[in-house]
C-alpha atoms as a PDB file:
ATOM      1  CA  MET A   1     145.637  42.776  30.784  1.00  0.00           C
ATOM      2  CA  ILE A   2     142.962  44.599  32.820  1.00  0.00           C
ATOM      3  CA  GLN A   3     140.688  44.608  29.848  1.00  0.00           C
ATOM      4  CA  LYS A   4     141.333  41.211  29.247  1.00  0.00           C
ATOM      5  CA  ARG A   5     140.441  40.190  32.712  1.00  0.00           C
ATOM      6  CA  GLY A   6     137.282  42.276  32.616  1.00  0.00           C
ATOM      7  CA  CYS A   7     136.197  40.420  29.442  1.00  0.00           C
ATOM      8  CA  ASP A   8     137.049  37.036  31.194  1.00  0.00           C
ATOM      9  CA  ASN A   9     134.812  38.161  34.061  1.00  0.00           C
ATOM     10  CA  GLN A  10     131.934  38.971  31.910  1.00  0.00           C
ATOM     11  CA  ILE A  11     132.080  35.423  30.412  1.00  0.00           C
ATOM     12  CA  VAL A  12     132.862  33.486  33.637  1.00  0.00           C
ATOM     13  CA  ILE A  13     130.493  35.146  36.192  1.00  0.00           C
ATOM     14  CA  PRO A  14     127.267  34.387  34.165  1.00  0.00           C
ATOM     15  CA  PHE A  15     128.377  30.957  33.598  1.00  0.00           C
ATOM     16  CA  LEU A  16     129.020  30.306  37.450  1.00  0.00           C
ATOM     17  CA  LEU A  17     125.703  31.842  38.128  1.00  0.00           C
ATOM     18  CA  GLU A  18     123.914  29.501  35.758  1.00  0.00           C
ATOM     19  CA  TRP A  19     125.707  26.542  37.102  1.00  0.00           C
ATOM     20  CA  PHE A  20     124.816  27.486  40.748  1.00  0.00           C
ATOM     21  CA  GLN A  21     121.272  27.741  39.744  1.00  0.00           C
ATOM     22  CA  GLN A  22     121.135  24.400  38.073  1.00  0.00           C
ATOM     23  CA  SER A  23     122.941  22.722  41.190  1.00  0.00           C
ATOM     24  CA  ILE A  24     120.370  24.243  43.599  1.00  0.00           C
ATOM     25  CA  SER A  25     117.407  23.115  41.130  1.00  0.00           C
ATOM     26  CA  ARG A  26     118.937  19.566  41.000  1.00  0.00           C
ATOM     27  CA  GLN A  27     119.377  19.546  44.861  1.00  0.00           C
ATOM     28  CA  GLN A  28     115.791  20.645  45.396  1.00  0.00           C
ATOM     29  CA  GLN A  29     114.292  18.001  43.101  1.00  0.00           C
ATOM     30  CA  ASP A  30     116.499  15.488  44.930  1.00  0.00           C
ATOM     31  CA  GLU A  31     115.094  16.496  48.291  1.00  0.00           C
ATOM     32  CA  LYS A  32     111.556  16.533  46.965  1.00  0.00           C
ATOM     33  CA  HIS A  33     111.868  12.969  45.561  1.00  0.00           C
ATOM     34  CA  VAL A  34     113.340  11.866  49.070  1.00  0.00           C
ATOM     35  CA  SER A  35     110.676  13.500  50.907  1.00  0.00           C
ATOM     36  CA  ASP A  36     107.860  11.960  48.659  1.00  0.00           C
ATOM     37  CA  LYS A  37     109.402   8.553  48.841  1.00  0.00           C
ATOM     38  CA  ALA A  38     109.486   8.964  52.746  1.00  0.00           C
ATOM     39  CA  LYS A  39     105.910   9.960  52.854  1.00  0.00           C
ATOM     40  CA  THR A  40     104.927   7.069  50.564  1.00  0.00           C
ATOM     41  CA  THR A  41     106.952   4.633  52.800  1.00  0.00           C
ATOM     42  CA  GLN A  42     105.149   6.135  55.786  1.00  0.00           C
ATOM     43  CA  LYS A  43     101.810   5.857  54.360  1.00  0.00           C
ATOM     44  CA  ALA A  44     102.310   2.140  53.305  1.00  0.00           C
ATOM     45  CA  SER A  45     103.586   1.422  56.807  1.00  0.00           C
ATOM     46  CA  THR A  46     100.304   2.778  58.159  1.00  0.00           C
ATOM     47  CA  VAL A  47      98.089   0.520  56.028  1.00  0.00           C
ATOM     48  CA  LYS A  48      96.707  -2.295  58.097  1.00  0.00           C
ATOM     49  CA  ALA A  49      96.630  -5.940  57.123  1.00  0.00           C
ATOM     50  CA  PRO A  50      93.105  -7.209  56.289  1.00  0.00           C
ATOM     51  CA  ARG A  51      91.323  -8.460  59.514  1.00  0.00           C
ATOM     52  CA  ALA A  52      90.002 -11.958  59.506  1.00  0.00           C
ATOM     53  CA  LEU A  53      86.199 -12.203  59.869  1.00  0.00           C
ATOM     54  CA  THR A  54      84.818 -13.455  63.011  1.00  0.00           C
ATOM     55  CA  GLU A  55      82.390 -16.299  63.312  1.00  0.00           C
ATOM     56  CA  ASP A  56      79.592 -13.833  64.480  1.00  0.00           C
ATOM     57  CA  GLU A  57      80.186 -11.686  61.212  1.00  0.00           C
ATOM     58  CA  VAL A  58      80.087 -14.850  59.083  1.00  0.00           C
ATOM     59  CA  ARG A  59      76.910 -15.872  60.709  1.00  0.00           C
ATOM     60  CA  GLN A  60      75.324 -12.273  60.468  1.00  0.00           C
ATOM     61  CA  TYR A  61      76.273 -12.442  56.546  1.00  0.00           C
ATOM     62  CA  LEU A  62      74.828 -15.933  55.967  1.00  0.00           C
ATOM     63  CA  VAL A  63      71.550 -14.773  57.900  1.00  0.00           C
ATOM     64  CA  ALA A  64      71.473 -11.739  55.727  1.00  0.00           C
ATOM     65  CA  HIS A  65      71.926 -13.700  52.607  1.00  0.00           C
ATOM     66  CA  PRO A  66      69.938 -16.851  52.832  1.00  0.00           C
ATOM     67  CA  ALA A  67      70.341 -17.837  49.124  1.00  0.00           C
ATOM     68  CA  PHE A  68      74.378 -17.688  49.546  1.00  0.00           C
ATOM     69  CA  PHE A  69      74.708 -21.531  49.254  1.00  0.00           C
ATOM     70  CA  ASP A  70      72.229 -21.721  46.570  1.00  0.00           C
ATOM     71  CA  HIS A  71      74.741 -19.770  44.471  1.00  0.00           C
ATOM     72  CA  ASN A  72      77.701 -21.705  45.923  1.00  0.00           C
ATOM     73  CA  LYS A  73      76.796 -25.319  45.902  1.00  0.00           C
ATOM     74  CA  ASP A  74      80.408 -26.371  45.655  1.00  0.00           C
ATOM     75  CA  LEU A  75      80.897 -25.082  49.241  1.00  0.00           C
ATOM     76  CA  LEU A  76      78.285 -27.714  50.627  1.00  0.00           C
ATOM     77  CA  ALA A  77      80.823 -30.512  49.907  1.00  0.00           C
ATOM     78  CA  LEU A  78      83.338 -28.924  52.130  1.00  0.00           C
ATOM     79  CA  LEU A  79      81.011 -28.913  55.177  1.00  0.00           C
ATOM     80  CA  LYS A  80      82.200 -31.208  57.984  1.00  0.00           C
ATOM     81  CA  PRO A  81      79.358 -31.152  60.631  1.00  0.00           C
ATOM     82  CA  GLU A  82      79.868 -32.686  63.914  1.00  0.00           C
ATOM     83  CA  ARG A  83      78.177 -35.837  64.548  1.00  0.00           C
ATOM     84  CA  ALA A  84      75.465 -35.693  67.004  1.00  0.00           C
ATOM     85  CA  PRO A  85      76.134 -37.686  70.371  1.00  0.00           C
ATOM     86  CA  ARG A  86      74.127 -40.994  70.163  1.00  0.00           C
ATOM     87  CA  ALA A  87      73.247 -43.600  72.784  1.00  0.00           C
ATOM     88  CA  ASP A  88      75.350 -46.953  72.337  1.00  0.00           C
ATOM     89  CA  GLY A  89      74.152 -49.113  69.474  1.00  0.00           C
ATOM     90  CA  ILE A  90      72.328 -46.102  67.574  1.00  0.00           C
ATOM     91  CA  VAL A  91      73.646 -45.261  64.152  1.00  0.00           C
ATOM     92  CA  ASP A  92      73.816 -41.496  63.077  1.00  0.00           C
ATOM     93  CA  PHE A  93      71.991 -41.967  59.763  1.00  0.00           C
ATOM     94  CA  GLN A  94      72.138 -38.195  58.929  1.00  0.00           C
ATOM     95  CA  ALA A  95      75.939 -38.080  59.157  1.00  0.00           C
ATOM     96  CA  VAL A  96      76.275 -41.351  57.149  1.00  0.00           C
ATOM     97  CA  LEU A  97      73.991 -40.074  54.473  1.00  0.00           C
ATOM     98  CA  LEU A  98      75.778 -36.702  54.309  1.00  0.00           C
ATOM     99  CA  ASP A  99      79.036 -38.466  54.096  1.00  0.00           C
ATOM    100  CA  ARG A 100      77.737 -40.485  51.172  1.00  0.00           C
ATOM    101  CA  LEU A 101      76.309 -37.369  49.460  1.00  0.00           C
ATOM    102  CA  GLN A 102      79.632 -35.470  49.776  1.00  0.00           C
ATOM    103  CA  SER A 103      81.525 -38.527  48.244  1.00  0.00           C
ATOM    104  CA  GLU A 104      79.047 -38.608  45.291  1.00  0.00           C
ATOM    105  CA  ILE A 105      79.418 -35.022  44.592  1.00  0.00           C
ATOM    106  CA  ALA A 106      83.183 -35.480  44.616  1.00  0.00           C
ATOM    107  CA  GLU A 107      82.906 -38.463  42.391  1.00  0.00           C
ATOM    108  CA  LEU A 108      80.526 -36.430  39.884  1.00  0.00           C
ATOM    109  CA  SER A 109      82.979 -33.689  39.860  1.00  0.00           C
ATOM    110  CA  ASP A 110      85.853 -35.914  38.878  1.00  0.00           C
ATOM    111  CA  VAL A 111      83.662 -37.392  36.009  1.00  0.00           C
ATOM    112  CA  GLN A 112      82.699 -34.108  34.908  1.00  0.00           C
ATOM    113  CA  GLY A 113      86.291 -32.969  34.630  1.00  0.00           C
ATOM    114  CA  SER A 114      87.238 -36.195  32.739  1.00  0.00           C
ATOM    115  CA  LEU A 115      84.388 -35.744  30.257  1.00  0.00           C
ATOM    116  CA  ILE A 116      85.379 -32.115  29.639  1.00  0.00           C
ATOM    117  CA  HIS A 117      89.076 -33.106  28.977  1.00  0.00           C
ATOM    118  CA  ALA A 118      88.008 -36.029  26.716  1.00  0.00           C
ATOM    119  CA  SER A 119      85.814 -33.681  24.761  1.00  0.00           C
ATOM    120  CA  ARG A 120      88.453 -31.118  24.361  1.00  0.00           C
ATOM    121  CA  SER A 121      91.057 -33.959  23.373  1.00  0.00           C
ATOM    122  CA  ASN A 122      88.497 -35.478  20.791  1.00  0.00           C
ATOM    123  CA  MET A 123      88.031 -31.896  19.275  1.00  0.00           C
ATOM    124  CA  THR A 124      91.728 -31.558  18.885  1.00  0.00           C
ATOM    125  CA  THR A 125      92.196 -34.963  17.317  1.00  0.00           C
ATOM    126  CA  GLN A 126      89.412 -34.191  14.810  1.00  0.00           C
ATOM    127  CA  ALA A 127      91.038 -30.844  13.799  1.00  0.00           C
ATOM    128  CA  ARG A 128      94.326 -32.677  13.286  1.00  0.00           C
ATOM    129  CA  ILE A 129      92.642 -35.404  11.078  1.00  0.00           C
ATOM    130  CA  HIS A 130      90.923 -32.730   8.977  1.00  0.00           C
ATOM    131  CA  ASP A 131      94.160 -31.011   8.422  1.00  0.00           C
ATOM    132  CA  ALA A 132      95.817 -34.314   7.490  1.00  0.00           C
ATOM    133  CA  VAL A 133      93.041 -35.135   4.859  1.00  0.00           C
ATOM    134  CA  LEU A 134      93.109 -31.680   3.472  1.00  0.00           C
ATOM    135  CA  ALA A 135      96.889 -32.009   2.983  1.00  0.00           C
ATOM    136  CA  LEU A 136      96.326 -35.117   0.751  1.00  0.00           C
ATOM    137  CA  LEU A 137      94.323 -32.956  -1.697  1.00  0.00           C
ATOM    138  CA  GLU A 138      97.406 -31.086  -2.384  1.00  0.00           C
ATOM    139  CA  ALA A 139      99.615 -34.158  -3.506  1.00  0.00           C
ATOM    140  CA  GLU A 140     100.775 -33.792  -7.029  1.00  0.00           C
ATOM    141  CA  SER A 141     102.208 -37.344  -7.465  1.00  0.00           C
ATOM    142  CA  LEU A 142     102.292 -40.857  -5.967  1.00  0.00           C
ATOM    143  CA  ASP A 143     105.819 -39.886  -4.511  1.00  0.00           C
ATOM    144  CA  HIS A 144     104.388 -36.753  -3.098  1.00  0.00           C
ATOM    145  CA  LEU A 145     101.467 -38.636  -1.594  1.00  0.00           C
ATOM    146  CA  CYS A 146     103.563 -41.307  -0.029  1.00  0.00           C
ATOM    147  CA  HIS A 147     106.115 -38.709   1.410  1.00  0.00           C
ATOM    148  CA  MET A 148     103.222 -36.656   2.794  1.00  0.00           C
ATOM    149  CA  VAL A 149     101.859 -39.530   4.612  1.00  0.00           C
ATOM    150  CA  SER A 150     104.820 -41.046   6.135  1.00  0.00           C
ATOM    151  CA  GLN A 151     106.639 -37.794   6.843  1.00  0.00           C
ATOM    152  CA  ASP A 152     104.403 -34.840   6.937  1.00  0.00           C
ATOM    153  CA  TRP A 153     101.566 -36.647   8.771  1.00  0.00           C
ATOM    154  CA  VAL A 154     103.767 -37.637  11.485  1.00  0.00           C
ATOM    155  CA  ASP A 155     103.943 -34.028  12.710  1.00  0.00           C
ATOM    156  CA  MET A 156     100.394 -33.257  11.930  1.00  0.00           C
ATOM    157  CA  LEU A 157      99.065 -36.197  13.997  1.00  0.00           C
ATOM    158  CA  GLN A 158     101.670 -36.032  16.841  1.00  0.00           C
ATOM    159  CA  VAL A 159     102.733 -39.477  16.310  1.00  0.00           C
ATOM    160  CA  ASP A 160     106.382 -40.881  16.021  1.00  0.00           C
ATOM    161  CA  SER A 161     106.138 -43.033  12.972  1.00  0.00           C
ATOM    162  CA  ILE A 162     103.809 -43.757  10.056  1.00  0.00           C
ATOM    163  CA  SER A 163     104.278 -46.614   7.622  1.00  0.00           C
ATOM    164  CA  ILE A 164     102.533 -47.484   4.268  1.00  0.00           C
ATOM    165  CA  CYS A 165     102.728 -51.356   3.993  1.00  0.00           C
ATOM    166  CA  PHE A 166     101.457 -53.714   1.256  1.00  0.00           C
ATOM    167  CA  GLU A 167     101.865 -57.366   0.829  1.00  0.00           C
ATOM    168  CA  GLN A 168     103.892 -59.052  -2.004  1.00  0.00           C
ATOM    169  CA  GLY A 169     102.153 -60.432  -4.971  1.00  0.00           C
ATOM    170  CA  ARG A 170     101.096 -57.442  -7.125  1.00  0.00           C
ATOM    171  CA  ASN A 171     103.281 -54.929  -8.819  1.00  0.00           C
ATOM    172  CA  LEU A 172     103.388 -51.556  -7.372  1.00  0.00           C
ATOM    173  CA  PRO A 173     105.658 -48.657  -8.480  1.00  0.00           C
ATOM    174  CA  GLU A 174     108.890 -48.529  -6.568  1.00  0.00           C
ATOM    175  CA  ASN A 175     108.822 -45.963  -3.535  1.00  0.00           C
ATOM    176  CA  SER A 176     111.077 -45.649  -0.696  1.00  0.00           C
ATOM    177  CA  ASN A 177     108.228 -44.782   1.656  1.00  0.00           C
ATOM    178  CA  ILE A 178     106.081 -48.066   0.730  1.00  0.00           C
ATOM    179  CA  ARG A 179     107.105 -51.103   2.870  1.00  0.00           C
ATOM    180  CA  ARG A 180     106.426 -54.663   1.447  1.00  0.00           C
ATOM    181  CA  LEU A 181     105.013 -57.375   3.670  1.00  0.00           C
ATOM    182  CA  SER A 182     104.997 -61.184   3.140  1.00  0.00           C
ATOM    183  CA  ALA A 183     101.502 -62.635   1.730  1.00  0.00           C
ATOM    184  CA  GLY A 184      99.012 -63.083   4.320  1.00  0.00           C
ATOM    185  CA  MET A 185     100.654 -60.930   7.011  1.00  0.00           C
ATOM    186  CA  VAL A 186      97.826 -58.565   7.096  1.00  0.00           C
ATOM    187  CA  ASP A 187      95.148 -60.992   8.175  1.00  0.00           C
ATOM    188  CA  ASP A 188      97.784 -62.506  10.756  1.00  0.00           C
ATOM    189  CA  LEU A 189      98.184 -59.089  12.270  1.00  0.00           C
ATOM    190  CA  LEU A 190      94.470 -57.942  12.265  1.00  0.00           C
ATOM    191  CA  GLY A 191      92.343 -61.155  11.994  1.00  0.00           C
ATOM    192  CA  ILE A 192      90.467 -61.912   8.962  1.00  0.00           C
ATOM    193  CA  ASP A 193      87.373 -59.936   9.989  1.00  0.00           C
ATOM    194  CA  GLN A 194      89.080 -56.894  11.456  1.00  0.00           C
ATOM    195  CA  ASP A 195      89.762 -53.664   9.927  1.00  0.00           C
ATOM    196  CA  ALA A 196      91.756 -52.120  12.712  1.00  0.00           C
ATOM    197  CA  THR A 197      93.545 -52.976  15.872  1.00  0.00           C
ATOM    198  CA  LEU A 198      95.213 -50.631  18.483  1.00  0.00           C
ATOM    199  CA  ARG A 199      97.644 -51.932  21.048  1.00  0.00           C
ATOM    200  CA  GLY A 200      99.789 -50.483  23.776  1.00  0.00           C
ATOM    201  CA  ASP A 201     102.737 -51.636  25.617  1.00  0.00           C
ATOM    202  CA  ILE A 202     104.142 -53.633  22.620  1.00  0.00           C
ATOM    203  CA  SER A 203     107.317 -54.827  20.979  1.00  0.00           C
ATOM    204  CA  ALA A 204     106.801 -53.332  17.522  1.00  0.00           C
ATOM    205  CA  ASN A 205     107.250 -55.382  14.292  1.00  0.00           C
ATOM    206  CA  GLY A 206     110.396 -54.589  12.408  1.00  0.00           C
ATOM    207  CA  ASP A 207     108.840 -55.337   9.005  1.00  0.00           C
ATOM    208  CA  ILE A 208     106.189 -52.665   9.562  1.00  0.00           C
ATOM    209  CA  PHE A 209     108.167 -49.764  11.191  1.00  0.00           C
ATOM    210  CA  GLY A 210     111.693 -50.243   9.910  1.00  0.00           C
ATOM    211  CA  PRO A 211     114.378 -48.264  11.669  1.00  0.00           C
ATOM    212  CA  ALA A 212     111.735 -46.700  13.977  1.00  0.00           C
ATOM    213  CA  THR A 213     110.967 -50.137  15.399  1.00  0.00           C
ATOM    214  CA  PRO A 214     113.016 -49.779  18.802  1.00  0.00           C
ATOM    215  CA  LEU A 215     111.123 -46.437  19.609  1.00  0.00           C
ATOM    216  CA  ILE A 216     107.595 -47.814  19.138  1.00  0.00           C
ATOM    217  CA  LYS A 217     105.796 -48.808  22.186  1.00  0.00           C
ATOM    218  CA  ALA A 218     102.085 -48.362  20.848  1.00  0.00           C
ATOM    219  CA  GLU A 219     100.534 -48.923  17.506  1.00  0.00           C
ATOM    220  CA  ALA A 220      97.415 -48.576  15.503  1.00  0.00           C
ATOM    221  CA  LEU A 221      97.081 -50.839  12.454  1.00  0.00           C
ATOM    222  CA  ILE A 222      94.491 -50.010   9.836  1.00  0.00           C
ATOM    223  CA  ARG A 223      93.712 -52.223   6.986  1.00  0.00           C
ATOM    224  CA  LEU A 224      94.081 -51.085   3.410  1.00  0.00           C
ATOM    225  CA  PRO A 225      91.666 -53.432   1.598  1.00  0.00           C
ATOM    226  CA  GLU A 226      92.768 -55.117  -1.555  1.00  0.00           C
ATOM    227  CA  SER A 227      91.713 -53.512  -4.821  1.00  0.00           C
ATOM    228  CA  ASP A 228      92.095 -54.006  -8.491  1.00  0.00           C
ATOM    229  CA  LEU A 229      95.315 -51.874  -8.411  1.00  0.00           C
ATOM    230  CA  THR A 230      96.681 -52.782  -4.831  1.00  0.00           C
ATOM    231  CA  PRO A 231      97.443 -55.739  -2.825  1.00  0.00           C
ATOM    232  CA  ALA A 232      96.151 -56.000   0.847  1.00  0.00           C
ATOM    233  CA  GLY A 233      97.929 -53.552   3.035  1.00  0.00           C
ATOM    234  CA  LEU A 234      98.354 -51.560   6.258  1.00  0.00           C
ATOM    235  CA  LEU A 235      98.419 -47.949   7.464  1.00  0.00           C
ATOM    236  CA  ALA A 236     100.515 -48.151  10.533  1.00  0.00           C
ATOM    237  CA  PHE A 237     100.777 -45.441  13.210  1.00  0.00           C
ATOM    238  CA  GLY A 238     103.246 -45.806  15.971  1.00  0.00           C
ATOM    239  CA  SER A 239     104.024 -43.837  19.165  1.00  0.00           C
ATOM    240  CA  ARG A 240     106.726 -43.982  21.821  1.00  0.00           C
ATOM    241  CA  ASP A 241     104.025 -43.426  24.433  1.00  0.00           C
ATOM    242  CA  GLU A 242     102.851 -46.968  25.412  1.00  0.00           C
ATOM    243  CA  ALA A 243      99.360 -45.747  26.372  1.00  0.00           C
ATOM    244  CA  PHE A 244      98.880 -43.621  23.219  1.00  0.00           C
ATOM    245  CA  PHE A 245      96.899 -46.360  21.613  1.00  0.00           C
ATOM    246  CA  THR A 246      94.728 -48.732  23.510  1.00  0.00           C
ATOM    247  CA  PRO A 247      92.189 -51.446  22.573  1.00  0.00           C
ATOM    248  CA  GLY A 248      89.238 -49.500  24.068  1.00  0.00           C
ATOM    249  CA  GLN A 249      89.764 -46.359  21.717  1.00  0.00           C
ATOM    250  CA  GLY A 250      87.511 -45.780  18.777  1.00  0.00           C
ATOM    251  CA  THR A 251      88.857 -46.277  15.270  1.00  0.00           C
ATOM    252  CA  GLU A 252      86.552 -44.248  13.153  1.00  0.00           C
ATOM    253  CA  LEU A 253      88.828 -41.188  12.722  1.00  0.00           C
ATOM    254  CA  LEU A 254      91.776 -43.396  11.717  1.00  0.00           C
ATOM    255  CA  ARG A 255      89.648 -45.447   9.310  1.00  0.00           C
ATOM    256  CA  PHE A 256      88.624 -42.188   7.793  1.00  0.00           C
ATOM    257  CA  LEU A 257      92.276 -41.236   7.227  1.00  0.00           C
ATOM    258  CA  GLN A 258      92.755 -44.763   5.754  1.00  0.00           C
ATOM    259  CA  ALA A 259      89.992 -44.308   3.270  1.00  0.00           C
ATOM    260  CA  ALA A 260      90.961 -40.771   2.179  1.00  0.00           C
ATOM    261  CA  PHE A 261      94.530 -42.002   1.606  1.00  0.00           C
ATOM    262  CA  GLN A 262      93.422 -45.099  -0.333  1.00  0.00           C
ATOM    263  CA  ALA A 263      91.294 -42.936  -2.440  1.00  0.00           C
ATOM    264  CA  ARG A 264      94.101 -40.692  -3.410  1.00  0.00           C
ATOM    265  CA  LEU A 265      96.448 -43.666  -3.928  1.00  0.00           C
ATOM    266  CA  ILE A 266      94.316 -45.236  -6.436  1.00  0.00           C
ATOM    267  CA  HIS A 267      93.892 -41.968  -8.286  1.00  0.00           C
ATOM    268  CA  PHE A 268      97.531 -41.899  -8.889  1.00  0.00           C
ATOM    269  CA  LEU A 269      97.897 -45.602  -9.779  1.00  0.00           C
ATOM    270  CA  ASP A 270      94.819 -45.685 -12.154  1.00  0.00           C
END
């Protein structure tokens, strides 16, 4: 038993020593972590908030940097100088002119922002039109072409509905994506001399947009001219946004789409 107990002591004592050493080491690390954290907190608490500049400091800076407003002209529009005291009946023309100048600067800034937005929007639209035309080149049949225009183009061009419409009177292959209109309807909708019309805030025509009619609040109707293989028709774009198409918008890009589509259509019909 004694020998066995001695053997046990030889095993247990080193184990306890190692355990105590590890415990002390962990305790020292914890104390160091707490100390470091306290120092960091104390240091952070001693950092002072930035002090506001005084009027005299601002004045000294502007005197030392006379070209400051030349490089920061937008700040001039924010200046609100006091009107000089005038005798009764005398107008302070300097203040009036300054007010007018500030108003013109603000208007020019708004116009500049609108032009930049319109330019970016136009570039985005052109990119979508180019993608739509390139997609036409991949069409392998008439069915594929009509499906691409009435289905795939909807996502590409960010509209809600696109319809391919042709008047009755000339045979066309049966296709679920081609809608048939009564004779003379294209001229009734566009006018005899018009190739396109854009309208907003409308009640859509069910003969054109079919099941999507209740959704459509704005439309762009582009003429598909009569040819040896096709009767007169329309390429109709519809949107739920009543301001998406308006009479003042250009139609060049939409007519380019129409021409590209009709060229591919005649290719498959010929």
